[in-house]
Structure formats: C-alpha cells, structure tokens
Amino acid sequence: MSGDRVVVGYTATDAGADALALGARLGAALETSVHVVVILPSAQGNVSIPSDASYDRLVEDTARGWLRDALAPFPGIRGHVRYAADVSDGLVAAAEEFGAAVLVVGTGGGGPRGRHRLGTTAEELVHSAPVPVALAPEGARHVDPSVGLPRITTAIGTRPGADVLLDTAVATARRAHAPLRLLSLAGVDLPGRVDAGLTRLTAQAHAQDVLDTVRGSLPAEIEAEALVGAGSDIEDAVSRIDWLPGEVALVGSSRLAQPRRLFLGSTAGRILRALPVPMIVVPRTSETSS
C-alpha cells in the first residue's frame, strides 16, 4: 500500500456515521491519522447544478456544518470538503491526496442490523478502487470504541493474489497488535460429485501450511490460528463462524481485477452478504508487487 492513513467517505446519514465510527477505530488501532471527506457535486460540466456563488457557499457551509457535528466526539480527526463529478471518483482522489492505506465507506443503506447492503458509491469502489476499501455494516456506529481491533480474520485461498492479501493481513496485525485468524472456505458449496471430505482435509492442510508461514512473520506475542469453515453453502458457513464485536474480515479482490484495482468477486460477495462485521477488500496486487 502506498499510504498509511485512514480516509473516510462521509455523508450525514446512518451509513456515514457507521463509516466514521469504523474509521476512527481503525485509525486508533493502526496508530495513524484519520481524514473524513464529504464529496460535493462539481458544477463543472454538469448543467443540472446551478452555477450560483451564493448557492455554492450555502452547500459547502452545510457540508462543513455536518462535519463539525460529526467530528465533535472525535478529537484529532480532520474533516475536509472536496468536489467531484462522481462521489466514488472524489473519494479515490481523496485517498490519493491523503495517502490512504484504507478507504472506509458505509454500507447500511437500510439493511438489517449488522449486515451490508452496498449502495451505489460502495458498489463502484469495490469494483474500481486502487486501495483497500473497508465496508462498514449497518450498526457499526454502535460498536463500543474501546473494543479497538480485537481480531483480524482473513479469508485465504490458493489463487493468484493470495500472497498480497496475506501480506496485508500480517502487516495489519503487526500494526494493530491484533490476533490473526486465517479462514479457509474450501470444500464449502461444492458440486455433489466432489469428495467434500477429502477437500476439507486438503483445506485444513493448506490452512495449516499458511499458518506456519504466518507465524514466522509475526511477533511471538501476536496469536495466530487457522479455521476451516463448514456449512451447506458459503453464506451458511460464514454465519456459523464466531465473530467478535469490533473485528474485521479481509478478503482479496477477484483475479478478474486489473492490477492494483479492486473487483469484488462472487465468493467475496457471498461472504459479504452473511458477514456481521466490517469487510476490507484488498487489491490483488500492490504498488510494490511485480
């Protein structure tokens, strides 16, 4: 990753409050600064937006008022107003401007408590962003800030790009001094002709191999474990797993993604639907990848 800060895309909604709360927790856990950004529509090239100076001042003053109110409980977090023709483009530009290690957005959108429902901006970001995107589920604003980042769960696989995801997970665990859990969902949701038992044994062996490698990269005081999920399908397996309040799940983007860009694949999308904690989607290659 090219930066080390947390950038939050904020709107004066419950989803925006979820994103801000998650961003604040990540910033504290990673011991880095947090920048909260409101993207306003740019009038340039957009005939539907009045080109009136007093109107522009009113809109910007309103946005700055939202930021002041939202950031009052979070001393030290800075707020910014930026303009862009498209919100997702504006957030990507803000991530680059502030050197983001992660870009946080809310996904509540009226969905069930503790679950994700991707709105337009989040959907665009998980298919195009050049930095990891953290998706805050409905209700993230209610998580006790004192829980910090109690654990990081990483969905591991054997396809290209897995090394970048694992490197990101290890680096995050080191920075946050958080336990790391490796999750394999191999063997779940397989066609009937596949020997699921044999596949599960293979998944367990692979997870153990990855765990052994990870332990060599982590300080001795940071715990690491491997878990192989089981269930009738991906969603069922994810729902059977225990999740701590405040933990996050890391997944890699699809191999269909362009280099250094995200693309939320079908498996990650199914995990997201059942996941009761924030998900961070990691690009399949990094700036330093060859």
C-alpha atoms as a PDB file:
ATOM      1  CA  MET A   1       0.000   0.000   0.000  1.00  0.00           C
ATOM      2  CA  SER A   2       1.231   3.440  -0.889  1.00  0.00           C
ATOM      3  CA  GLY A   3      -0.048   5.235   2.237  1.00  0.00           C
ATOM      4  CA  ASP A   4      -0.647   4.645   5.919  1.00  0.00           C
ATOM      5  CA  ARG A   5      -3.642   6.839   6.792  1.00  0.00           C
ATOM      6  CA  VAL A   6      -7.357   6.157   7.091  1.00  0.00           C
ATOM      7  CA  VAL A   7      -9.704   8.089   4.790  1.00  0.00           C
ATOM      8  CA  VAL A   8     -13.444   8.026   5.446  1.00  0.00           C
ATOM      9  CA  GLY A   9     -16.142   8.885   2.944  1.00  0.00           C
ATOM     10  CA  TYR A  10     -18.803  10.674   4.990  1.00  0.00           C
ATOM     11  CA  THR A  11     -22.451  11.544   4.432  1.00  0.00           C
ATOM     12  CA  ALA A  12     -24.861  12.913   7.058  1.00  0.00           C
ATOM     13  CA  THR A  13     -26.678   9.569   7.298  1.00  0.00           C
ATOM     14  CA  ASP A  14     -26.560   6.474   9.500  1.00  0.00           C
ATOM     15  CA  ALA A  15     -24.296   4.838   6.914  1.00  0.00           C
ATOM     16  CA  GLY A  16     -21.968   7.822   7.167  1.00  0.00           C
ATOM     17  CA  ALA A  17     -21.939   7.522  10.960  1.00  0.00           C
ATOM     18  CA  ASP A  18     -21.104   3.800  10.596  1.00  0.00           C
ATOM     19  CA  ALA A  19     -18.167   4.648   8.319  1.00  0.00           C
ATOM     20  CA  LEU A  20     -16.888   7.353  10.661  1.00  0.00           C
ATOM     21  CA  ALA A  21     -17.058   5.071  13.709  1.00  0.00           C
ATOM     22  CA  LEU A  22     -15.174   2.300  11.892  1.00  0.00           C
ATOM     23  CA  GLY A  23     -12.625   4.752  10.520  1.00  0.00           C
ATOM     24  CA  ALA A  24     -11.973   6.142  13.992  1.00  0.00           C
ATOM     25  CA  ARG A  25     -11.432   2.644  15.402  1.00  0.00           C
ATOM     26  CA  LEU A  26      -9.094   1.696  12.569  1.00  0.00           C
ATOM     27  CA  GLY A  27      -7.134   4.900  12.976  1.00  0.00           C
ATOM     28  CA  ALA A  28      -6.704   4.297  16.706  1.00  0.00           C
ATOM     29  CA  ALA A  29      -5.763   0.638  16.218  1.00  0.00           C
ATOM     30  CA  LEU A  30      -3.264   1.407  13.455  1.00  0.00           C
ATOM     31  CA  GLU A  31      -1.977   4.494  15.298  1.00  0.00           C
ATOM     32  CA  THR A  32      -2.440   6.722  12.273  1.00  0.00           C
ATOM     33  CA  SER A  33      -4.337   9.862  11.323  1.00  0.00           C
ATOM     34  CA  VAL A  34      -7.905   9.825  10.041  1.00  0.00           C
ATOM     35  CA  HIS A  35      -9.255  12.151   7.359  1.00  0.00           C
ATOM     36  CA  VAL A  36     -13.016  12.402   6.883  1.00  0.00           C
ATOM     37  CA  VAL A  37     -14.181  13.665   3.499  1.00  0.00           C
ATOM     38  CA  VAL A  38     -17.516  14.922   2.203  1.00  0.00           C
ATOM     39  CA  ILE A  39     -17.712  14.881  -1.595  1.00  0.00           C
ATOM     40  CA  LEU A  40     -19.928  17.567  -3.099  1.00  0.00           C
ATOM     41  CA  PRO A  41     -21.048  17.554  -6.735  1.00  0.00           C
ATOM     42  CA  SER A  42     -18.891  19.635  -9.023  1.00  0.00           C
ATOM     43  CA  ALA A  43     -20.756  22.128 -11.190  1.00  0.00           C
ATOM     44  CA  GLN A  44     -18.136  21.866 -13.926  1.00  0.00           C
ATOM     45  CA  GLY A  45     -19.669  20.117 -16.909  1.00  0.00           C
ATOM     46  CA  ASN A  46     -22.921  19.435 -15.029  1.00  0.00           C
ATOM     47  CA  VAL A  47     -25.802  21.551 -16.322  1.00  0.00           C
ATOM     48  CA  SER A  48     -28.154  20.229 -13.623  1.00  0.00           C
ATOM     49  CA  ILE A  49     -26.251  22.046 -10.855  1.00  0.00           C
ATOM     50  CA  PRO A  50     -26.909  25.800 -10.513  1.00  0.00           C
ATOM     51  CA  SER A  51     -23.767  27.860 -11.089  1.00  0.00           C
ATOM     52  CA  ASP A  52     -24.543  30.433  -8.425  1.00  0.00           C
ATOM     53  CA  ALA A  53     -21.832  31.549  -5.979  1.00  0.00           C
ATOM     54  CA  SER A  54     -24.218  32.065  -3.057  1.00  0.00           C
ATOM     55  CA  TYR A  55     -25.764  28.632  -3.618  1.00  0.00           C
ATOM     56  CA  ASP A  56     -22.290  27.047  -3.722  1.00  0.00           C
ATOM     57  CA  ARG A  57     -21.368  28.733  -0.430  1.00  0.00           C
ATOM     58  CA  LEU A  58     -24.586  27.516   1.173  1.00  0.00           C
ATOM     59  CA  VAL A  59     -23.957  23.926   0.114  1.00  0.00           C
ATOM     60  CA  GLU A  60     -20.354  23.985   1.298  1.00  0.00           C
ATOM     61  CA  ASP A  61     -21.249  25.665   4.603  1.00  0.00           C
ATOM     62  CA  THR A  62     -23.901  22.995   5.166  1.00  0.00           C
ATOM     63  CA  ALA A  63     -21.376  20.223   4.497  1.00  0.00           C
ATOM     64  CA  ARG A  64     -18.848  21.791   6.848  1.00  0.00           C
ATOM     65  CA  GLY A  65     -21.565  22.005   9.493  1.00  0.00           C
ATOM     66  CA  TRP A  66     -22.241  18.285   9.078  1.00  0.00           C
ATOM     67  CA  LEU A  67     -18.547  17.599   9.556  1.00  0.00           C
ATOM     68  CA  ARG A  68     -18.264  19.768  12.668  1.00  0.00           C
ATOM     69  CA  ASP A  69     -21.186  17.995  14.294  1.00  0.00           C
ATOM     70  CA  ALA A  70     -20.000  14.517  13.273  1.00  0.00           C
ATOM     71  CA  LEU A  71     -16.397  15.041  14.360  1.00  0.00           C
ATOM     72  CA  ALA A  72     -17.165  16.691  17.712  1.00  0.00           C
ATOM     73  CA  PRO A  73     -16.847  13.355  19.584  1.00  0.00           C
ATOM     74  CA  PHE A  74     -13.605  12.512  17.743  1.00  0.00           C
ATOM     75  CA  PRO A  75     -10.869  14.999  18.692  1.00  0.00           C
ATOM     76  CA  GLY A  76      -7.893  14.882  16.380  1.00  0.00           C
ATOM     77  CA  ILE A  77      -9.797  13.661  13.303  1.00  0.00           C
ATOM     78  CA  ARG A  78      -9.758  16.157  10.462  1.00  0.00           C
ATOM     79  CA  GLY A  79     -12.655  16.896   8.118  1.00  0.00           C
ATOM     80  CA  HIS A  80     -12.482  18.030   4.502  1.00  0.00           C
ATOM     81  CA  VAL A  81     -14.863  19.049   1.739  1.00  0.00           C
ATOM     82  CA  ARG A  82     -13.952  18.136  -1.825  1.00  0.00           C
ATOM     83  CA  TYR A  83     -15.720  18.462  -5.172  1.00  0.00           C
ATOM     84  CA  ALA A  84     -16.053  15.830  -7.886  1.00  0.00           C
ATOM     85  CA  ALA A  85     -18.396  14.939 -10.703  1.00  0.00           C
ATOM     86  CA  ASP A  86     -18.806  11.481  -9.154  1.00  0.00           C
ATOM     87  CA  VAL A  87     -18.642  10.589  -5.442  1.00  0.00           C
ATOM     88  CA  SER A  88     -16.576   7.436  -5.931  1.00  0.00           C
ATOM     89  CA  ASP A  89     -14.090   9.314  -8.130  1.00  0.00           C
ATOM     90  CA  GLY A  90     -13.872  12.033  -5.494  1.00  0.00           C
ATOM     91  CA  LEU A  91     -13.155   9.504  -2.748  1.00  0.00           C
ATOM     92  CA  VAL A  92     -10.446   7.804  -4.805  1.00  0.00           C
ATOM     93  CA  ALA A  93      -8.863  11.215  -5.387  1.00  0.00           C
ATOM     94  CA  ALA A  94      -9.074  11.940  -1.646  1.00  0.00           C
ATOM     95  CA  ALA A  95      -7.466   8.576  -0.867  1.00  0.00           C
ATOM     96  CA  GLU A  96      -4.572   9.516  -3.129  1.00  0.00           C
ATOM     97  CA  GLU A  97      -4.379  13.080  -1.736  1.00  0.00           C
ATOM     98  CA  PHE A  98      -4.135  11.979   1.892  1.00  0.00           C
ATOM     99  CA  GLY A  99      -2.047   8.836   1.352  1.00  0.00           C
ATOM    100  CA  ALA A 100      -4.693   6.316   2.375  1.00  0.00           C
ATOM    101  CA  ALA A 101      -3.858   2.790   3.460  1.00  0.00           C
ATOM    102  CA  VAL A 102      -7.600   2.147   3.544  1.00  0.00           C
ATOM    103  CA  LEU A 103     -10.731   3.942   2.359  1.00  0.00           C
ATOM    104  CA  VAL A 104     -13.801   3.491   4.598  1.00  0.00           C
ATOM    105  CA  VAL A 105     -17.422   3.757   3.458  1.00  0.00           C
ATOM    106  CA  GLY A 106     -20.752   2.786   4.994  1.00  0.00           C
ATOM    107  CA  THR A 107     -22.973   0.076   3.531  1.00  0.00           C
ATOM    108  CA  GLY A 108     -26.000   0.044   5.848  1.00  0.00           C
ATOM    109  CA  GLY A 109     -28.445   1.642   3.431  1.00  0.00           C
ATOM    110  CA  GLY A 110     -31.476   0.417   5.363  1.00  0.00           C
ATOM    111  CA  GLY A 111     -30.279  -3.181   5.506  1.00  0.00           C
ATOM    112  CA  PRO A 112     -30.591  -5.478   8.549  1.00  0.00           C
ATOM    113  CA  ARG A 113     -28.635  -4.533  11.669  1.00  0.00           C
ATOM    114  CA  GLY A 114     -25.059  -5.778  11.425  1.00  0.00           C
ATOM    115  CA  ARG A 115     -25.321  -6.564   7.717  1.00  0.00           C
ATOM    116  CA  HIS A 116     -24.138  -4.969   4.491  1.00  0.00           C
ATOM    117  CA  ARG A 117     -26.181  -3.547   1.627  1.00  0.00           C
ATOM    118  CA  LEU A 118     -23.979  -1.905  -0.970  1.00  0.00           C
ATOM    119  CA  GLY A 119     -25.146   1.445  -2.205  1.00  0.00           C
ATOM    120  CA  THR A 120     -24.033   2.982  -5.495  1.00  0.00           C
ATOM    121  CA  THR A 121     -20.815   4.523  -4.177  1.00  0.00           C
ATOM    122  CA  ALA A 122     -19.688   1.418  -2.262  1.00  0.00           C
ATOM    123  CA  GLU A 123     -20.528  -0.768  -5.255  1.00  0.00           C
ATOM    124  CA  GLU A 124     -18.408   1.395  -7.546  1.00  0.00           C
ATOM    125  CA  LEU A 125     -15.490   1.477  -5.111  1.00  0.00           C
ATOM    126  CA  VAL A 126     -15.286  -2.295  -4.613  1.00  0.00           C
ATOM    127  CA  HIS A 127     -15.027  -2.644  -8.374  1.00  0.00           C
ATOM    128  CA  SER A 128     -12.540   0.127  -9.102  1.00  0.00           C
ATOM    129  CA  ALA A 129     -10.602   1.486  -6.105  1.00  0.00           C
ATOM    130  CA  PRO A 130      -6.780   1.296  -6.124  1.00  0.00           C
ATOM    131  CA  VAL A 131      -6.558   0.963  -2.314  1.00  0.00           C
ATOM    132  CA  PRO A 132      -8.205  -1.407   0.189  1.00  0.00           C
ATOM    133  CA  VAL A 133     -11.832  -0.493   0.837  1.00  0.00           C
ATOM    134  CA  ALA A 134     -13.358  -1.065   4.281  1.00  0.00           C
ATOM    135  CA  LEU A 135     -17.116  -1.597   4.254  1.00  0.00           C
ATOM    136  CA  ALA A 136     -18.849  -0.621   7.495  1.00  0.00           C
ATOM    137  CA  PRO A 137     -22.082  -2.580   8.048  1.00  0.00           C
ATOM    138  CA  GLU A 138     -25.313  -1.221   9.456  1.00  0.00           C
ATOM    139  CA  GLY A 139     -24.859  -0.614  13.178  1.00  0.00           C
ATOM    140  CA  ALA A 140     -21.068  -0.155  13.158  1.00  0.00           C
ATOM    141  CA  ARG A 141     -21.668   3.204  14.835  1.00  0.00           C
ATOM    142  CA  HIS A 142     -22.952   1.361  17.915  1.00  0.00           C
ATOM    143  CA  VAL A 143     -19.771  -0.683  18.486  1.00  0.00           C
ATOM    144  CA  ASP A 144     -18.014   0.365  21.684  1.00  0.00           C
ATOM    145  CA  PRO A 145     -14.905   2.294  20.542  1.00  0.00           C
ATOM    146  CA  SER A 146     -12.926   0.802  23.415  1.00  0.00           C
ATOM    147  CA  VAL A 147     -13.011  -2.678  21.814  1.00  0.00           C
ATOM    148  CA  GLY A 148     -10.397  -1.491  19.323  1.00  0.00           C
ATOM    149  CA  LEU A 149      -9.473  -4.136  16.765  1.00  0.00           C
ATOM    150  CA  PRO A 150      -9.728  -7.407  18.746  1.00  0.00           C
ATOM    151  CA  ARG A 151      -9.031  -9.761  15.834  1.00  0.00           C
ATOM    152  CA  ILE A 152      -8.411  -9.845  12.093  1.00  0.00           C
ATOM    153  CA  THR A 153      -9.912 -12.705  10.103  1.00  0.00           C
ATOM    154  CA  THR A 154      -8.518 -13.268   6.619  1.00  0.00           C
ATOM    155  CA  ALA A 155     -10.178 -15.454   4.001  1.00  0.00           C
ATOM    156  CA  ILE A 156      -7.300 -17.362   2.418  1.00  0.00           C
ATOM    157  CA  GLY A 157      -7.151 -19.148  -0.920  1.00  0.00           C
ATOM    158  CA  THR A 158      -4.672 -20.596  -3.366  1.00  0.00           C
ATOM    159  CA  ARG A 159      -5.368 -18.424  -6.403  1.00  0.00           C
ATOM    160  CA  PRO A 160      -3.028 -15.672  -7.654  1.00  0.00           C
ATOM    161  CA  GLY A 161      -3.169 -12.625  -5.424  1.00  0.00           C
ATOM    162  CA  ALA A 162      -3.413 -14.592  -2.184  1.00  0.00           C
ATOM    163  CA  ASP A 163       0.127 -13.572  -1.205  1.00  0.00           C
ATOM    164  CA  VAL A 164      -0.733  -9.862  -1.378  1.00  0.00           C
ATOM    165  CA  LEU A 165      -3.817 -10.401   0.800  1.00  0.00           C
ATOM    166  CA  LEU A 166      -1.792 -12.391   3.320  1.00  0.00           C
ATOM    167  CA  ASP A 167       0.970  -9.782   3.403  1.00  0.00           C
ATOM    168  CA  THR A 168      -1.643  -7.082   4.052  1.00  0.00           C
ATOM    169  CA  ALA A 169      -3.236  -9.139   6.835  1.00  0.00           C
ATOM    170  CA  VAL A 170       0.101  -9.780   8.529  1.00  0.00           C
ATOM    171  CA  ALA A 171       1.134  -6.126   8.262  1.00  0.00           C
ATOM    172  CA  THR A 172      -2.232  -5.013   9.700  1.00  0.00           C
ATOM    173  CA  ALA A 173      -1.997  -7.489  12.584  1.00  0.00           C
ATOM    174  CA  ARG A 174       1.508  -6.261  13.385  1.00  0.00           C
ATOM    175  CA  ARG A 175       0.494  -2.582  13.330  1.00  0.00           C
ATOM    176  CA  ALA A 176      -2.655  -3.155  15.376  1.00  0.00           C
ATOM    177  CA  HIS A 177      -1.103  -5.766  17.697  1.00  0.00           C
ATOM    178  CA  ALA A 178      -4.194  -7.849  16.926  1.00  0.00           C
ATOM    179  CA  PRO A 179      -4.604 -11.643  16.741  1.00  0.00           C
ATOM    180  CA  LEU A 180      -4.830 -13.043  13.209  1.00  0.00           C
ATOM    181  CA  ARG A 181      -7.258 -15.783  12.150  1.00  0.00           C
ATOM    182  CA  LEU A 182      -6.915 -17.495   8.771  1.00  0.00           C
ATOM    183  CA  LEU A 183     -10.217 -18.699   7.337  1.00  0.00           C
ATOM    184  CA  SER A 184     -10.498 -21.274   4.559  1.00  0.00           C
ATOM    185  CA  LEU A 185     -13.870 -21.865   2.917  1.00  0.00           C
ATOM    186  CA  ALA A 186     -12.540 -24.514   0.523  1.00  0.00           C
ATOM    187  CA  GLY A 187     -14.816 -27.506   0.425  1.00  0.00           C
ATOM    188  CA  VAL A 188     -17.941 -25.409   1.017  1.00  0.00           C
ATOM    189  CA  ASP A 189     -20.644 -25.243  -1.629  1.00  0.00           C
ATOM    190  CA  LEU A 190     -19.027 -27.860  -3.885  1.00  0.00           C
ATOM    191  CA  PRO A 191     -20.817 -29.874  -6.589  1.00  0.00           C
ATOM    192  CA  GLY A 192     -22.163 -33.215  -5.350  1.00  0.00           C
ATOM    193  CA  ARG A 193     -19.639 -35.235  -7.329  1.00  0.00           C
ATOM    194  CA  VAL A 194     -16.728 -33.675  -5.436  1.00  0.00           C
ATOM    195  CA  ASP A 195     -15.468 -35.505  -2.358  1.00  0.00           C
ATOM    196  CA  ALA A 196     -16.135 -32.769   0.196  1.00  0.00           C
ATOM    197  CA  GLY A 197     -14.439 -34.722   2.976  1.00  0.00           C
ATOM    198  CA  LEU A 198     -11.214 -35.023   1.028  1.00  0.00           C
ATOM    199  CA  THR A 199     -11.396 -31.374   0.016  1.00  0.00           C
ATOM    200  CA  ARG A 200     -11.869 -30.364   3.643  1.00  0.00           C
ATOM    201  CA  LEU A 201      -8.758 -32.320   4.635  1.00  0.00           C
ATOM    202  CA  THR A 202      -6.856 -30.602   1.836  1.00  0.00           C
ATOM    203  CA  ALA A 203      -8.167 -27.225   3.028  1.00  0.00           C
ATOM    204  CA  GLN A 204      -7.062 -27.988   6.585  1.00  0.00           C
ATOM    205  CA  ALA A 205      -3.579 -28.944   5.391  1.00  0.00           C
ATOM    206  CA  HIS A 206      -3.314 -25.790   3.279  1.00  0.00           C
ATOM    207  CA  ALA A 207      -4.563 -23.579   6.114  1.00  0.00           C
ATOM    208  CA  GLN A 208      -2.014 -25.127   8.461  1.00  0.00           C
ATOM    209  CA  ASP A 209       0.804 -24.548   5.956  1.00  0.00           C
ATOM    210  CA  VAL A 210      -0.202 -20.890   5.600  1.00  0.00           C
ATOM    211  CA  LEU A 211      -0.458 -20.569   9.377  1.00  0.00           C
ATOM    212  CA  ASP A 212       3.059 -21.952   9.822  1.00  0.00           C
ATOM    213  CA  THR A 213       4.353 -19.381   7.329  1.00  0.00           C
ATOM    214  CA  VAL A 214       2.459 -16.540   9.004  1.00  0.00           C
ATOM    215  CA  ARG A 215       3.777 -17.371  12.448  1.00  0.00           C
ATOM    216  CA  GLY A 216       7.275 -16.788  11.165  1.00  0.00           C
ATOM    217  CA  SER A 217       6.283 -13.246  10.118  1.00  0.00           C
ATOM    218  CA  LEU A 218       4.506 -12.229  13.319  1.00  0.00           C
ATOM    219  CA  PRO A 219       5.929 -11.227  16.695  1.00  0.00           C
ATOM    220  CA  ALA A 220       5.669 -14.050  19.216  1.00  0.00           C
ATOM    221  CA  GLU A 221       3.127 -12.138  21.299  1.00  0.00           C
ATOM    222  CA  ILE A 222       0.587 -11.949  18.438  1.00  0.00           C
ATOM    223  CA  GLU A 223      -1.640 -15.005  18.319  1.00  0.00           C
ATOM    224  CA  ALA A 224      -2.472 -16.699  15.013  1.00  0.00           C
ATOM    225  CA  GLU A 225      -4.850 -19.550  14.245  1.00  0.00           C
ATOM    226  CA  ALA A 226      -6.381 -21.313  11.254  1.00  0.00           C
ATOM    227  CA  LEU A 227     -10.034 -22.207  10.771  1.00  0.00           C
ATOM    228  CA  VAL A 228     -11.768 -24.220   8.049  1.00  0.00           C
ATOM    229  CA  GLY A 229     -15.394 -23.207   7.602  1.00  0.00           C
ATOM    230  CA  ALA A 230     -18.189 -25.735   7.146  1.00  0.00           C
ATOM    231  CA  GLY A 231     -21.785 -25.386   6.004  1.00  0.00           C
ATOM    232  CA  SER A 232     -24.280 -26.073   3.262  1.00  0.00           C
ATOM    233  CA  ASP A 233     -23.049 -23.056   1.316  1.00  0.00           C
ATOM    234  CA  ILE A 234     -20.783 -20.013   1.688  1.00  0.00           C
ATOM    235  CA  GLU A 235     -23.401 -17.932   3.481  1.00  0.00           C
ATOM    236  CA  ASP A 236     -24.224 -20.744   5.908  1.00  0.00           C
ATOM    237  CA  ALA A 237     -20.545 -21.365   6.663  1.00  0.00           C
ATOM    238  CA  VAL A 238     -19.917 -17.671   7.379  1.00  0.00           C
ATOM    239  CA  SER A 239     -22.964 -17.463   9.647  1.00  0.00           C
ATOM    240  CA  ARG A 240     -21.705 -20.448  11.694  1.00  0.00           C
ATOM    241  CA  ILE A 241     -18.387 -18.782  12.487  1.00  0.00           C
ATOM    242  CA  ASP A 242     -17.958 -16.834  15.715  1.00  0.00           C
ATOM    243  CA  TRP A 243     -17.267 -13.140  15.231  1.00  0.00           C
ATOM    244  CA  LEU A 244     -16.022 -10.779  17.910  1.00  0.00           C
ATOM    245  CA  PRO A 245     -17.553  -7.294  18.268  1.00  0.00           C
ATOM    246  CA  GLY A 246     -15.152  -4.933  16.532  1.00  0.00           C
ATOM    247  CA  GLU A 247     -13.165  -7.446  14.484  1.00  0.00           C
ATOM    248  CA  VAL A 248     -12.726  -7.075  10.732  1.00  0.00           C
ATOM    249  CA  ALA A 249     -12.602  -9.566   7.879  1.00  0.00           C
ATOM    250  CA  LEU A 250     -10.116  -9.206   4.999  1.00  0.00           C
ATOM    251  CA  VAL A 251     -10.777 -10.668   1.554  1.00  0.00           C
ATOM    252  CA  GLY A 252      -8.880 -10.410  -1.697  1.00  0.00           C
ATOM    253  CA  SER A 253     -10.358  -8.984  -4.862  1.00  0.00           C
ATOM    254  CA  SER A 254     -11.174 -11.201  -7.807  1.00  0.00           C
ATOM    255  CA  ARG A 255      -8.475 -12.357 -10.213  1.00  0.00           C
ATOM    256  CA  LEU A 256     -10.576 -10.567 -12.849  1.00  0.00           C
ATOM    257  CA  ALA A 257      -9.484  -7.253 -11.353  1.00  0.00           C
ATOM    258  CA  GLN A 258      -6.994  -5.106 -13.210  1.00  0.00           C
ATOM    259  CA  PRO A 259      -3.614  -4.679 -11.488  1.00  0.00           C
ATOM    260  CA  ARG A 260      -3.840  -2.505  -8.366  1.00  0.00           C
ATOM    261  CA  ARG A 261      -7.612  -2.296  -8.662  1.00  0.00           C
ATOM    262  CA  LEU A 262     -10.458  -3.963  -6.806  1.00  0.00           C
ATOM    263  CA  PHE A 263     -13.106  -6.252  -8.198  1.00  0.00           C
ATOM    264  CA  LEU A 264     -15.453  -7.876  -5.700  1.00  0.00           C
ATOM    265  CA  GLY A 265     -15.715 -11.469  -6.886  1.00  0.00           C
ATOM    266  CA  SER A 266     -18.698 -13.781  -6.469  1.00  0.00           C
ATOM    267  CA  THR A 267     -17.325 -15.629  -3.427  1.00  0.00           C
ATOM    268  CA  ALA A 268     -16.390 -12.385  -1.644  1.00  0.00           C
ATOM    269  CA  GLY A 269     -19.833 -11.011  -2.468  1.00  0.00           C
ATOM    270  CA  ARG A 270     -21.497 -14.020  -0.880  1.00  0.00           C
ATOM    271  CA  ILE A 271     -19.281 -13.709   2.200  1.00  0.00           C
ATOM    272  CA  LEU A 272     -20.266 -10.049   2.430  1.00  0.00           C
ATOM    273  CA  ARG A 273     -23.992 -10.834   2.451  1.00  0.00           C
ATOM    274  CA  ALA A 274     -23.646 -13.053   5.537  1.00  0.00           C
ATOM    275  CA  LEU A 275     -20.889 -11.151   7.321  1.00  0.00           C
ATOM    276  CA  PRO A 276     -21.857  -9.367  10.574  1.00  0.00           C
ATOM    277  CA  VAL A 277     -18.559  -7.425  10.820  1.00  0.00           C
ATOM    278  CA  PRO A 278     -16.747  -4.923   8.578  1.00  0.00           C
ATOM    279  CA  MET A 279     -15.100  -6.322   5.454  1.00  0.00           C
ATOM    280  CA  ILE A 280     -11.907  -4.911   3.958  1.00  0.00           C
ATOM    281  CA  VAL A 281     -11.403  -5.736   0.276  1.00  0.00           C
ATOM    282  CA  VAL A 282      -7.722  -5.762  -0.746  1.00  0.00           C
ATOM    283  CA  PRO A 283      -6.491  -5.218  -4.337  1.00  0.00           C
ATOM    284  CA  ARG A 284      -4.890  -8.353  -5.782  1.00  0.00           C
ATOM    285  CA  THR A 285      -1.597  -6.551  -6.428  1.00  0.00           C
ATOM    286  CA  SER A 286       0.102  -3.746  -4.561  1.00  0.00           C
ATOM    287  CA  GLU A 287       2.167  -0.806  -5.748  1.00  0.00           C
ATOM    288  CA  THR A 288       5.306  -2.765  -4.951  1.00  0.00           C
ATOM    289  CA  SER A 289       4.156  -6.027  -6.474  1.00  0.00           C
ATOM    290  CA  SER A 290       5.967  -7.309  -9.524  1.00  0.00           C
END
